[in-house]
Amino acid sequence: MSSSAPVVLSGADDPSAEGLREIPLPPYVTAEDAQFAVRAVVVHAPRRWSGGTICRNDASPHPCRLHRWGRRVLALHGLPPAEIDALIERGDPTAEPHPPRRGA
Protein backbone atom coordinates (compact mmCIF):
# COMPACT_ATOMS: atom_id res chain seq x y z
CA MET A 1 0.00 0.00 0.00
CA SER A 2 1.52 3.32 -0.98
CA SER A 3 1.61 6.18 1.44
CA SER A 4 -0.06 9.38 0.44
CA ALA A 5 -0.46 12.79 2.02
CA PRO A 6 -1.40 12.63 5.70
CA VAL A 7 -5.09 12.72 6.47
CA VAL A 8 -6.12 15.84 8.36
CA LEU A 9 -9.08 15.42 10.66
CA SER A 10 -11.05 18.63 10.62
CA GLY A 11 -12.46 19.97 13.84
CA ALA A 12 -9.61 19.16 16.21
CA ASP A 13 -7.96 22.54 15.88
CA ASP A 14 -10.72 24.41 14.07
CA PRO A 15 -12.28 27.03 16.37
CA SER A 16 -15.46 27.05 14.25
CA ALA A 17 -15.99 23.38 15.22
CA GLU A 18 -15.99 24.17 18.96
CA GLY A 19 -19.79 24.08 19.11
CA LEU A 20 -19.83 20.61 17.58
CA ARG A 21 -17.94 19.28 20.57
CA GLU A 22 -20.50 20.52 23.08
CA ILE A 23 -23.03 18.12 24.54
CA PRO A 24 -26.54 19.18 23.51
CA LEU A 25 -28.80 20.62 26.18
CA PRO A 26 -32.15 19.02 26.91
CA PRO A 27 -35.16 20.91 25.47
CA TYR A 28 -36.32 21.53 29.06
CA VAL A 29 -34.56 20.64 32.30
CA THR A 30 -36.16 17.96 34.44
CA ALA A 31 -35.18 17.08 38.00
CA GLU A 32 -33.35 14.05 36.61
CA ASP A 33 -31.37 16.25 34.18
CA ALA A 34 -30.42 18.54 37.08
CA GLN A 35 -29.26 15.54 39.13
CA PHE A 36 -27.09 14.31 36.25
CA ALA A 37 -25.71 17.85 35.93
CA VAL A 38 -24.73 17.93 39.62
CA ARG A 39 -22.89 14.65 39.16
CA ALA A 40 -21.15 16.04 36.06
CA VAL A 41 -19.88 19.23 37.72
CA VAL A 42 -18.77 17.44 40.90
CA VAL A 43 -17.08 14.45 39.26
CA HIS A 44 -15.48 16.67 36.60
CA ALA A 45 -14.35 19.36 39.06
CA PRO A 46 -11.12 21.30 38.51
CA ARG A 47 -7.84 20.02 39.85
CA ARG A 48 -4.61 22.01 39.95
CA TRP A 49 -1.75 20.21 38.26
CA SER A 50 1.78 21.17 37.33
CA GLY A 51 0.67 21.93 33.77
CA GLY A 52 -2.38 23.95 34.80
CA THR A 53 -5.95 23.19 35.79
CA ILE A 54 -7.31 19.86 34.59
CA CYS A 55 -10.48 17.82 34.96
CA ARG A 56 -10.24 15.68 38.09
CA ASN A 57 -11.92 12.75 36.33
CA ASP A 58 -10.27 12.49 32.92
CA ALA A 59 -7.28 14.91 33.06
CA SER A 60 -8.48 16.91 30.05
CA PRO A 61 -8.10 20.70 30.22
CA HIS A 62 -10.64 22.17 32.62
CA PRO A 63 -13.47 22.85 32.12
CA CYS A 64 -14.08 19.64 30.20
CA ARG A 65 -17.20 19.32 28.11
CA LEU A 66 -19.17 17.38 30.77
CA HIS A 67 -18.40 20.07 33.36
CA ARG A 68 -19.51 22.79 30.89
CA TRP A 69 -22.69 20.83 30.10
CA GLY A 70 -23.47 20.40 33.80
CA ARG A 71 -23.01 24.11 34.50
CA ARG A 72 -25.26 25.07 31.58
CA VAL A 73 -28.00 22.63 32.66
CA LEU A 74 -27.88 23.85 36.27
CA ALA A 75 -28.05 27.46 35.08
CA LEU A 76 -31.14 26.58 33.00
CA HIS A 77 -32.54 24.88 36.12
CA GLY A 78 -32.31 28.28 37.85
CA LEU A 79 -29.15 27.97 39.93
CA PRO A 80 -26.91 31.04 40.04
CA PRO A 81 -23.14 30.55 39.48
CA ALA A 82 -22.41 30.92 43.23
CA GLU A 83 -24.80 28.06 44.03
CA ILE A 84 -23.20 25.85 41.37
CA ASP A 85 -19.76 26.65 42.82
CA ALA A 86 -21.05 25.72 46.30
CA LEU A 87 -22.27 22.34 44.99
CA ILE A 88 -18.82 21.68 43.50
CA GLU A 89 -17.09 22.76 46.72
CA ARG A 90 -19.23 20.36 48.79
CA GLY A 91 -18.14 17.55 46.49
CA ASP A 92 -21.30 15.47 46.87
CA PRO A 93 -22.40 14.12 43.46
CA THR A 94 -25.74 13.06 44.96
CA ALA A 95 -26.66 16.52 46.32
CA GLU A 96 -30.06 17.72 45.16
CA PRO A 97 -30.02 21.02 43.30
CA HIS A 98 -32.78 23.31 44.48
CA PRO A 99 -33.49 26.30 42.25
CA PRO A 100 -34.22 29.57 44.02
CA ARG A 101 -37.89 30.08 44.87
CA ARG A 102 -39.72 32.46 42.62
CA GLY A 103 -40.97 35.57 44.42
CA ALA A 104 -39.16 34.76 47.65
C-alpha atoms as a PDB file:
ATOM      1  CA  MET A   1       0.000   0.000   0.000  1.00  0.00           C
ATOM      2  CA  SER A   2       1.523   3.322  -0.982  1.00  0.00           C
ATOM      3  CA  SER A   3       1.615   6.181   1.439  1.00  0.00           C
ATOM      4  CA  SER A   4      -0.058   9.382   0.442  1.00  0.00           C
ATOM      5  CA  ALA A   5      -0.462  12.792   2.017  1.00  0.00           C
ATOM      6  CA  PRO A   6      -1.401  12.627   5.696  1.00  0.00           C
ATOM      7  CA  VAL A   7      -5.088  12.720   6.473  1.00  0.00           C
ATOM      8  CA  VAL A   8      -6.119  15.845   8.357  1.00  0.00           C
ATOM      9  CA  LEU A   9      -9.080  15.424  10.657  1.00  0.00           C
ATOM     10  CA  SER A  10     -11.048  18.634  10.616  1.00  0.00           C
ATOM     11  CA  GLY A  11     -12.461  19.968  13.841  1.00  0.00           C
ATOM     12  CA  ALA A  12      -9.612  19.155  16.208  1.00  0.00           C
ATOM     13  CA  ASP A  13      -7.958  22.542  15.877  1.00  0.00           C
ATOM     14  CA  ASP A  14     -10.717  24.406  14.070  1.00  0.00           C
ATOM     15  CA  PRO A  15     -12.283  27.035  16.367  1.00  0.00           C
ATOM     16  CA  SER A  16     -15.455  27.046  14.252  1.00  0.00           C
ATOM     17  CA  ALA A  17     -15.988  23.381  15.222  1.00  0.00           C
ATOM     18  CA  GLU A  18     -15.992  24.173  18.958  1.00  0.00           C
ATOM     19  CA  GLY A  19     -19.792  24.081  19.109  1.00  0.00           C
ATOM     20  CA  LEU A  20     -19.833  20.610  17.580  1.00  0.00           C
ATOM     21  CA  ARG A  21     -17.940  19.279  20.567  1.00  0.00           C
ATOM     22  CA  GLU A  22     -20.499  20.517  23.079  1.00  0.00           C
ATOM     23  CA  ILE A  23     -23.031  18.119  24.544  1.00  0.00           C
ATOM     24  CA  PRO A  24     -26.543  19.182  23.513  1.00  0.00           C
ATOM     25  CA  LEU A  25     -28.798  20.625  26.184  1.00  0.00           C
ATOM     26  CA  PRO A  26     -32.150  19.020  26.914  1.00  0.00           C
ATOM     27  CA  PRO A  27     -35.162  20.906  25.474  1.00  0.00           C
ATOM     28  CA  TYR A  28     -36.319  21.529  29.058  1.00  0.00           C
ATOM     29  CA  VAL A  29     -34.564  20.645  32.297  1.00  0.00           C
ATOM     30  CA  THR A  30     -36.164  17.965  34.438  1.00  0.00           C
ATOM     31  CA  ALA A  31     -35.184  17.081  38.004  1.00  0.00           C
ATOM     32  CA  GLU A  32     -33.346  14.049  36.609  1.00  0.00           C
ATOM     33  CA  ASP A  33     -31.371  16.254  34.185  1.00  0.00           C
ATOM     34  CA  ALA A  34     -30.423  18.542  37.076  1.00  0.00           C
ATOM     35  CA  GLN A  35     -29.264  15.544  39.126  1.00  0.00           C
ATOM     36  CA  PHE A  36     -27.086  14.314  36.247  1.00  0.00           C
ATOM     37  CA  ALA A  37     -25.713  17.853  35.928  1.00  0.00           C
ATOM     38  CA  VAL A  38     -24.729  17.933  39.622  1.00  0.00           C
ATOM     39  CA  ARG A  39     -22.891  14.652  39.164  1.00  0.00           C
ATOM     40  CA  ALA A  40     -21.151  16.037  36.057  1.00  0.00           C
ATOM     41  CA  VAL A  41     -19.878  19.226  37.717  1.00  0.00           C
ATOM     42  CA  VAL A  42     -18.767  17.439  40.896  1.00  0.00           C
ATOM     43  CA  VAL A  43     -17.077  14.449  39.258  1.00  0.00           C
ATOM     44  CA  HIS A  44     -15.479  16.672  36.599  1.00  0.00           C
ATOM     45  CA  ALA A  45     -14.351  19.355  39.057  1.00  0.00           C
ATOM     46  CA  PRO A  46     -11.125  21.302  38.507  1.00  0.00           C
ATOM     47  CA  ARG A  47      -7.836  20.017  39.853  1.00  0.00           C
ATOM     48  CA  ARG A  48      -4.613  22.008  39.945  1.00  0.00           C
ATOM     49  CA  TRP A  49      -1.748  20.208  38.257  1.00  0.00           C
ATOM     50  CA  SER A  50       1.777  21.168  37.328  1.00  0.00           C
ATOM     51  CA  GLY A  51       0.673  21.926  33.767  1.00  0.00           C
ATOM     52  CA  GLY A  52      -2.385  23.954  34.797  1.00  0.00           C
ATOM     53  CA  THR A  53      -5.949  23.193  35.789  1.00  0.00           C
ATOM     54  CA  ILE A  54      -7.310  19.858  34.591  1.00  0.00           C
ATOM     55  CA  CYS A  55     -10.475  17.823  34.964  1.00  0.00           C
ATOM     56  CA  ARG A  56     -10.239  15.678  38.086  1.00  0.00           C
ATOM     57  CA  ASN A  57     -11.917  12.751  36.326  1.00  0.00           C
ATOM     58  CA  ASP A  58     -10.269  12.494  32.917  1.00  0.00           C
ATOM     59  CA  ALA A  59      -7.282  14.906  33.062  1.00  0.00           C
ATOM     60  CA  SER A  60      -8.483  16.911  30.054  1.00  0.00           C
ATOM     61  CA  PRO A  61      -8.098  20.703  30.219  1.00  0.00           C
ATOM     62  CA  HIS A  62     -10.638  22.173  32.624  1.00  0.00           C
ATOM     63  CA  PRO A  63     -13.467  22.851  32.123  1.00  0.00           C
ATOM     64  CA  CYS A  64     -14.078  19.641  30.203  1.00  0.00           C
ATOM     65  CA  ARG A  65     -17.203  19.321  28.107  1.00  0.00           C
ATOM     66  CA  LEU A  66     -19.172  17.383  30.766  1.00  0.00           C
ATOM     67  CA  HIS A  67     -18.404  20.066  33.355  1.00  0.00           C
ATOM     68  CA  ARG A  68     -19.507  22.787  30.894  1.00  0.00           C
ATOM     69  CA  TRP A  69     -22.686  20.826  30.099  1.00  0.00           C
ATOM     70  CA  GLY A  70     -23.468  20.404  33.802  1.00  0.00           C
ATOM     71  CA  ARG A  71     -23.013  24.115  34.501  1.00  0.00           C
ATOM     72  CA  ARG A  72     -25.257  25.068  31.580  1.00  0.00           C
ATOM     73  CA  VAL A  73     -28.003  22.630  32.661  1.00  0.00           C
ATOM     74  CA  LEU A  74     -27.879  23.850  36.272  1.00  0.00           C
ATOM     75  CA  ALA A  75     -28.054  27.463  35.078  1.00  0.00           C
ATOM     76  CA  LEU A  76     -31.137  26.584  33.003  1.00  0.00           C
ATOM     77  CA  HIS A  77     -32.542  24.885  36.122  1.00  0.00           C
ATOM     78  CA  GLY A  78     -32.308  28.275  37.854  1.00  0.00           C
ATOM     79  CA  LEU A  79     -29.150  27.970  39.931  1.00  0.00           C
ATOM     80  CA  PRO A  80     -26.909  31.036  40.036  1.00  0.00           C
ATOM     81  CA  PRO A  81     -23.141  30.554  39.480  1.00  0.00           C
ATOM     82  CA  ALA A  82     -22.411  30.922  43.225  1.00  0.00           C
ATOM     83  CA  GLU A  83     -24.799  28.057  44.031  1.00  0.00           C
ATOM     84  CA  ILE A  84     -23.200  25.850  41.371  1.00  0.00           C
ATOM     85  CA  ASP A  85     -19.759  26.651  42.821  1.00  0.00           C
ATOM     86  CA  ALA A  86     -21.047  25.722  46.299  1.00  0.00           C
ATOM     87  CA  LEU A  87     -22.266  22.338  44.992  1.00  0.00           C
ATOM     88  CA  ILE A  88     -18.822  21.683  43.498  1.00  0.00           C
ATOM     89  CA  GLU A  89     -17.095  22.761  46.723  1.00  0.00           C
ATOM     90  CA  ARG A  90     -19.225  20.362  48.794  1.00  0.00           C
ATOM     91  CA  GLY A  91     -18.142  17.550  46.490  1.00  0.00           C
ATOM     92  CA  ASP A  92     -21.304  15.474  46.870  1.00  0.00           C
ATOM     93  CA  PRO A  93     -22.399  14.121  43.459  1.00  0.00           C
ATOM     94  CA  THR A  94     -25.741  13.064  44.960  1.00  0.00           C
ATOM     95  CA  ALA A  95     -26.659  16.517  46.316  1.00  0.00           C
ATOM     96  CA  GLU A  96     -30.056  17.722  45.162  1.00  0.00           C
ATOM     97  CA  PRO A  97     -30.016  21.022  43.304  1.00  0.00           C
ATOM     98  CA  HIS A  98     -32.778  23.311  44.479  1.00  0.00           C
ATOM     99  CA  PRO A  99     -33.490  26.296  42.250  1.00  0.00           C
ATOM    100  CA  PRO A 100     -34.221  29.574  44.017  1.00  0.00           C
ATOM    101  CA  ARG A 101     -37.887  30.082  44.868  1.00  0.00           C
ATOM    102  CA  ARG A 102     -39.722  32.465  42.621  1.00  0.00           C
ATOM    103  CA  GLY A 103     -40.974  35.574  44.417  1.00  0.00           C
ATOM    104  CA  ALA A 104     -39.157  34.759  47.655  1.00  0.00           C
END
